[in-house]
Amino acid sequence: MLCAFVDFYRSVLIRKADGLTADELQRTVTTSSLTIGALVRHMTMVEDYWFNDTFAGLPEREPWASADWEDDPDWEMTTAGGMSFGELRDEFDAACQRSREHVQSASSLDQLAVGGDPDDRCTLRWILIHMLEEYARHCGHADIFRQGIDGRTGD
């Protein structure tokens, strides 16, 4: 059930970006600099961070590993500016597929993460619930942005 809800929100985020031009993906509709394109790239990074780095304990993947986080703490979002929907979606889909594979390889939802803070190991269940919270918040942002761009509403 947790995986089904995470997959639902993954699809909602992509539907919010689907059909937008490169300019629309980077359009802001509030005083925030946040955009739908930036949200998609951010969630791509979040997928890799929680499932690849934290849960599986694998080395940080590219392009995140060589990003200059010190110079730009929002690197994943600011670099989304030159990406098309196809590029964003391909990167996002690949990260989601890797995440699903990590979940499928787990012995149970109570399996502890291998990476992350060794003094505060989280379970796969905790990560999935956290992802629901993260997706729900950002899909809400994307809904506001999409409505401001072309009036489209819906889940």
C-alpha atoms as a PDB file:
ATOM      1  CA  MET A   1       0.000   0.000   0.000  1.00  0.00           C
ATOM      2  CA  LEU A   2       2.844   2.395   0.853  1.00  0.00           C
ATOM      3  CA  CYS A   3       4.571   1.697  -2.452  1.00  0.00           C
ATOM      4  CA  ALA A   4       1.310   2.181  -4.356  1.00  0.00           C
ATOM      5  CA  PHE A   5       0.775   5.613  -2.792  1.00  0.00           C
ATOM      6  CA  VAL A   6       4.381   6.656  -3.471  1.00  0.00           C
ATOM      7  CA  ASP A   7       3.939   5.556  -7.103  1.00  0.00           C
ATOM      8  CA  PHE A   8       0.675   7.503  -7.289  1.00  0.00           C
ATOM      9  CA  TYR A   9       2.391  10.710  -6.171  1.00  0.00           C
ATOM     10  CA  ARG A  10       5.301  10.070  -8.529  1.00  0.00           C
ATOM     11  CA  SER A  11       2.798   9.970 -11.388  1.00  0.00           C
ATOM     12  CA  VAL A  12       0.987  13.091 -10.172  1.00  0.00           C
ATOM     13  CA  LEU A  13       4.205  15.107 -10.185  1.00  0.00           C
ATOM     14  CA  ILE A  14       5.009  13.998 -13.733  1.00  0.00           C
ATOM     15  CA  ARG A  15       1.448  14.744 -14.906  1.00  0.00           C
ATOM     16  CA  LYS A  16       1.823  18.289 -13.565  1.00  0.00           C
ATOM     17  CA  ALA A  17       4.897  18.782 -15.766  1.00  0.00           C
ATOM     18  CA  ASP A  18       3.662  16.873 -18.819  1.00  0.00           C
ATOM     19  CA  GLY A  19       3.042  19.005 -21.896  1.00  0.00           C
ATOM     20  CA  LEU A  20       4.816  22.104 -20.621  1.00  0.00           C
ATOM     21  CA  THR A  21       7.426  23.815 -22.757  1.00  0.00           C
ATOM     22  CA  ALA A  22      10.944  24.342 -21.457  1.00  0.00           C
ATOM     23  CA  ASP A  23      10.003  27.967 -20.644  1.00  0.00           C
ATOM     24  CA  GLU A  24       6.843  26.898 -18.802  1.00  0.00           C
ATOM     25  CA  LEU A  25       8.779  24.315 -16.790  1.00  0.00           C
ATOM     26  CA  GLN A  26      10.879  27.201 -15.462  1.00  0.00           C
ATOM     27  CA  ARG A  27       8.067  29.720 -14.979  1.00  0.00           C
ATOM     28  CA  THR A  28       7.362  30.972 -11.510  1.00  0.00           C
ATOM     29  CA  VAL A  29       3.837  31.984 -10.591  1.00  0.00           C
ATOM     30  CA  THR A  30       4.434  33.192  -7.041  1.00  0.00           C
ATOM     31  CA  THR A  31       7.102  35.225  -5.289  1.00  0.00           C
ATOM     32  CA  SER A  32       9.044  31.973  -4.882  1.00  0.00           C
ATOM     33  CA  SER A  33      11.716  31.029  -7.406  1.00  0.00           C
ATOM     34  CA  LEU A  34      10.469  27.422  -7.308  1.00  0.00           C
ATOM     35  CA  THR A  35       9.271  25.910 -10.611  1.00  0.00           C
ATOM     36  CA  ILE A  36       7.726  22.633 -11.755  1.00  0.00           C
ATOM     37  CA  GLY A  37      10.969  21.699 -13.524  1.00  0.00           C
ATOM     38  CA  ALA A  38      12.925  22.341 -10.328  1.00  0.00           C
ATOM     39  CA  LEU A  39      10.475  20.177  -8.355  1.00  0.00           C
ATOM     40  CA  VAL A  40      10.874  17.246 -10.746  1.00  0.00           C
ATOM     41  CA  ARG A  41      14.676  17.453 -10.549  1.00  0.00           C
ATOM     42  CA  HIS A  42      14.570  17.882  -6.772  1.00  0.00           C
ATOM     43  CA  MET A  43      12.473  14.734  -6.390  1.00  0.00           C
ATOM     44  CA  THR A  44      14.862  12.868  -8.679  1.00  0.00           C
ATOM     45  CA  MET A  45      17.659  13.746  -6.273  1.00  0.00           C
ATOM     46  CA  VAL A  46      15.480  12.871  -3.252  1.00  0.00           C
ATOM     47  CA  GLU A  47      14.727   9.418  -4.732  1.00  0.00           C
ATOM     48  CA  ASP A  48      18.449   8.717  -5.144  1.00  0.00           C
ATOM     49  CA  TYR A  49      19.322  10.128  -1.717  1.00  0.00           C
ATOM     50  CA  TRP A  50      16.805   8.085   0.282  1.00  0.00           C
ATOM     51  CA  PHE A  51      16.813   4.795  -1.591  1.00  0.00           C
ATOM     52  CA  ASN A  52      20.321   4.590  -3.112  1.00  0.00           C
ATOM     53  CA  ASP A  53      22.475   6.494  -0.635  1.00  0.00           C
ATOM     54  CA  THR A  54      20.611   6.061   2.651  1.00  0.00           C
ATOM     55  CA  PHE A  55      18.694   2.787   2.398  1.00  0.00           C
ATOM     56  CA  ALA A  56      21.107   0.782   0.226  1.00  0.00           C
ATOM     57  CA  GLY A  57      24.239   2.559   1.483  1.00  0.00           C
ATOM     58  CA  LEU A  58      25.612   2.921  -2.046  1.00  0.00           C
ATOM     59  CA  PRO A  59      27.894   5.769  -3.151  1.00  0.00           C
ATOM     60  CA  GLU A  60      26.183   8.964  -4.217  1.00  0.00           C
ATOM     61  CA  ARG A  61      25.263   8.826  -7.910  1.00  0.00           C
ATOM     62  CA  GLU A  62      26.001  11.310 -10.651  1.00  0.00           C
ATOM     63  CA  PRO A  63      25.157  14.050 -11.252  1.00  0.00           C
ATOM     64  CA  TRP A  64      24.709  14.594  -7.502  1.00  0.00           C
ATOM     65  CA  ALA A  65      28.166  13.310  -6.518  1.00  0.00           C
ATOM     66  CA  SER A  66      30.059  15.986  -8.451  1.00  0.00           C
ATOM     67  CA  ALA A  67      27.635  18.859  -7.806  1.00  0.00           C
ATOM     68  CA  ASP A  68      29.030  21.944  -6.090  1.00  0.00           C
ATOM     69  CA  TRP A  69      26.608  21.912  -3.139  1.00  0.00           C
ATOM     70  CA  GLU A  70      28.703  24.363  -1.155  1.00  0.00           C
ATOM     71  CA  ASP A  71      28.492  27.036  -3.865  1.00  0.00           C
ATOM     72  CA  ASP A  72      24.834  26.245  -4.685  1.00  0.00           C
ATOM     73  CA  PRO A  73      22.852  24.368  -1.991  1.00  0.00           C
ATOM     74  CA  ASP A  74      19.896  24.168  -4.417  1.00  0.00           C
ATOM     75  CA  TRP A  75      22.027  22.844  -7.285  1.00  0.00           C
ATOM     76  CA  GLU A  76      19.533  20.179  -8.351  1.00  0.00           C
ATOM     77  CA  MET A  77      16.845  22.842  -8.721  1.00  0.00           C
ATOM     78  CA  THR A  78      18.894  25.599 -10.328  1.00  0.00           C
ATOM     79  CA  THR A  79      20.367  23.230 -12.909  1.00  0.00           C
ATOM     80  CA  ALA A  80      16.876  22.111 -13.993  1.00  0.00           C
ATOM     81  CA  GLY A  81      16.585  25.437 -15.836  1.00  0.00           C
ATOM     82  CA  GLY A  82      18.114  24.213 -19.064  1.00  0.00           C
ATOM     83  CA  MET A  83      16.408  20.818 -19.143  1.00  0.00           C
ATOM     84  CA  SER A  84      13.461  19.776 -21.307  1.00  0.00           C
ATOM     85  CA  PHE A  85      10.522  17.783 -19.968  1.00  0.00           C
ATOM     86  CA  GLY A  86      11.916  14.698 -21.724  1.00  0.00           C
ATOM     87  CA  GLU A  87      15.287  15.044 -20.007  1.00  0.00           C
ATOM     88  CA  LEU A  88      13.696  15.691 -16.616  1.00  0.00           C
ATOM     89  CA  ARG A  89      11.294  12.784 -17.019  1.00  0.00           C
ATOM     90  CA  ASP A  90      13.974  10.323 -18.183  1.00  0.00           C
ATOM     91  CA  GLU A  91      16.195  11.191 -15.224  1.00  0.00           C
ATOM     92  CA  PHE A  92      13.215  11.004 -12.827  1.00  0.00           C
ATOM     93  CA  ASP A  93      11.930   7.690 -14.239  1.00  0.00           C
ATOM     94  CA  ALA A  94      15.386   6.113 -13.935  1.00  0.00           C
ATOM     95  CA  ALA A  95      15.715   7.231 -10.303  1.00  0.00           C
ATOM     96  CA  CYS A  96      12.226   5.906  -9.484  1.00  0.00           C
ATOM     97  CA  GLN A  97      13.032   2.568 -11.092  1.00  0.00           C
ATOM     98  CA  ARG A  98      16.226   2.276  -9.036  1.00  0.00           C
ATOM     99  CA  SER A  99      14.195   3.105  -5.919  1.00  0.00           C
ATOM    100  CA  ARG A 100      11.615   0.415  -6.718  1.00  0.00           C
ATOM    101  CA  GLU A 101      14.419  -2.125  -7.151  1.00  0.00           C
ATOM    102  CA  HIS A 102      15.845  -1.257  -3.724  1.00  0.00           C
ATOM    103  CA  VAL A 103      12.394  -1.646  -2.160  1.00  0.00           C
ATOM    104  CA  GLN A 104      11.815  -4.980  -3.917  1.00  0.00           C
ATOM    105  CA  SER A 105      15.149  -6.310  -2.691  1.00  0.00           C
ATOM    106  CA  ALA A 106      14.337  -5.522   0.957  1.00  0.00           C
ATOM    107  CA  SER A 107      13.518  -8.345   3.323  1.00  0.00           C
ATOM    108  CA  SER A 108      10.741  -6.324   4.965  1.00  0.00           C
ATOM    109  CA  LEU A 109       9.531  -2.793   5.632  1.00  0.00           C
ATOM    110  CA  ASP A 110      11.342  -3.027   8.958  1.00  0.00           C
ATOM    111  CA  GLN A 111      14.738  -3.481   7.294  1.00  0.00           C
ATOM    112  CA  LEU A 112      17.152  -0.831   8.521  1.00  0.00           C
ATOM    113  CA  ALA A 113      18.954   1.497   6.154  1.00  0.00           C
ATOM    114  CA  VAL A 114      22.613   0.678   5.602  1.00  0.00           C
ATOM    115  CA  GLY A 115      23.726   4.268   4.879  1.00  0.00           C
ATOM    116  CA  GLY A 116      23.041   7.559   6.564  1.00  0.00           C
ATOM    117  CA  ASP A 117      23.647   8.411  10.195  1.00  0.00           C
ATOM    118  CA  PRO A 118      24.899   5.248  11.926  1.00  0.00           C
ATOM    119  CA  ASP A 119      23.457   6.487  15.237  1.00  0.00           C
ATOM    120  CA  ASP A 120      20.000   7.042  13.771  1.00  0.00           C
ATOM    121  CA  ARG A 121      19.188   4.273  11.289  1.00  0.00           C
ATOM    122  CA  CYS A 122      15.751   4.501   9.750  1.00  0.00           C
ATOM    123  CA  THR A 123      13.627   1.672   8.401  1.00  0.00           C
ATOM    124  CA  LEU A 124      12.370   1.262   4.861  1.00  0.00           C
ATOM    125  CA  ARG A 125       8.870   1.902   6.242  1.00  0.00           C
ATOM    126  CA  TRP A 126      10.025   5.285   7.607  1.00  0.00           C
ATOM    127  CA  ILE A 127      11.593   6.191   4.246  1.00  0.00           C
ATOM    128  CA  LEU A 128       8.410   5.319   2.343  1.00  0.00           C
ATOM    129  CA  ILE A 129       6.259   7.363   4.734  1.00  0.00           C
ATOM    130  CA  HIS A 130       8.707  10.253   4.442  1.00  0.00           C
ATOM    131  CA  MET A 131       8.500  10.016   0.640  1.00  0.00           C
ATOM    132  CA  LEU A 132       4.691  10.213   0.828  1.00  0.00           C
ATOM    133  CA  GLU A 133       4.987  13.396   2.856  1.00  0.00           C
ATOM    134  CA  GLU A 134       7.590  14.871   0.528  1.00  0.00           C
ATOM    135  CA  TYR A 135       5.649  14.045  -2.641  1.00  0.00           C
ATOM    136  CA  ALA A 136       2.320  15.256  -1.229  1.00  0.00           C
ATOM    137  CA  ARG A 137       3.845  18.636  -0.350  1.00  0.00           C
ATOM    138  CA  HIS A 138       5.595  19.092  -3.674  1.00  0.00           C
ATOM    139  CA  CYS A 139       2.627  17.885  -5.728  1.00  0.00           C
ATOM    140  CA  GLY A 140       0.631  20.610  -3.987  1.00  0.00           C
ATOM    141  CA  HIS A 141       3.236  23.151  -5.069  1.00  0.00           C
ATOM    142  CA  ALA A 142       3.153  21.785  -8.621  1.00  0.00           C
ATOM    143  CA  ASP A 143      -0.653  22.010  -8.669  1.00  0.00           C
ATOM    144  CA  ILE A 144      -0.506  25.723  -7.852  1.00  0.00           C
ATOM    145  CA  PHE A 145       2.199  26.328 -10.460  1.00  0.00           C
ATOM    146  CA  ARG A 146       0.384  24.405 -13.200  1.00  0.00           C
ATOM    147  CA  GLN A 147      -2.879  26.199 -12.541  1.00  0.00           C
ATOM    148  CA  GLY A 148      -1.027  29.520 -12.740  1.00  0.00           C
ATOM    149  CA  ILE A 149       0.643  28.573 -16.031  1.00  0.00           C
ATOM    150  CA  ASP A 150      -2.296  27.256 -18.050  1.00  0.00           C
ATOM    151  CA  GLY A 151      -5.262  26.831 -15.711  1.00  0.00           C
ATOM    152  CA  ARG A 152      -5.008  23.030 -15.658  1.00  0.00           C
ATOM    153  CA  THR A 153      -6.156  21.459 -12.396  1.00  0.00           C
ATOM    154  CA  GLY A 154      -6.663  17.934 -11.077  1.00  0.00           C
ATOM    155  CA  ASP A 155      -4.820  15.426  -8.935  1.00  0.00           C
END
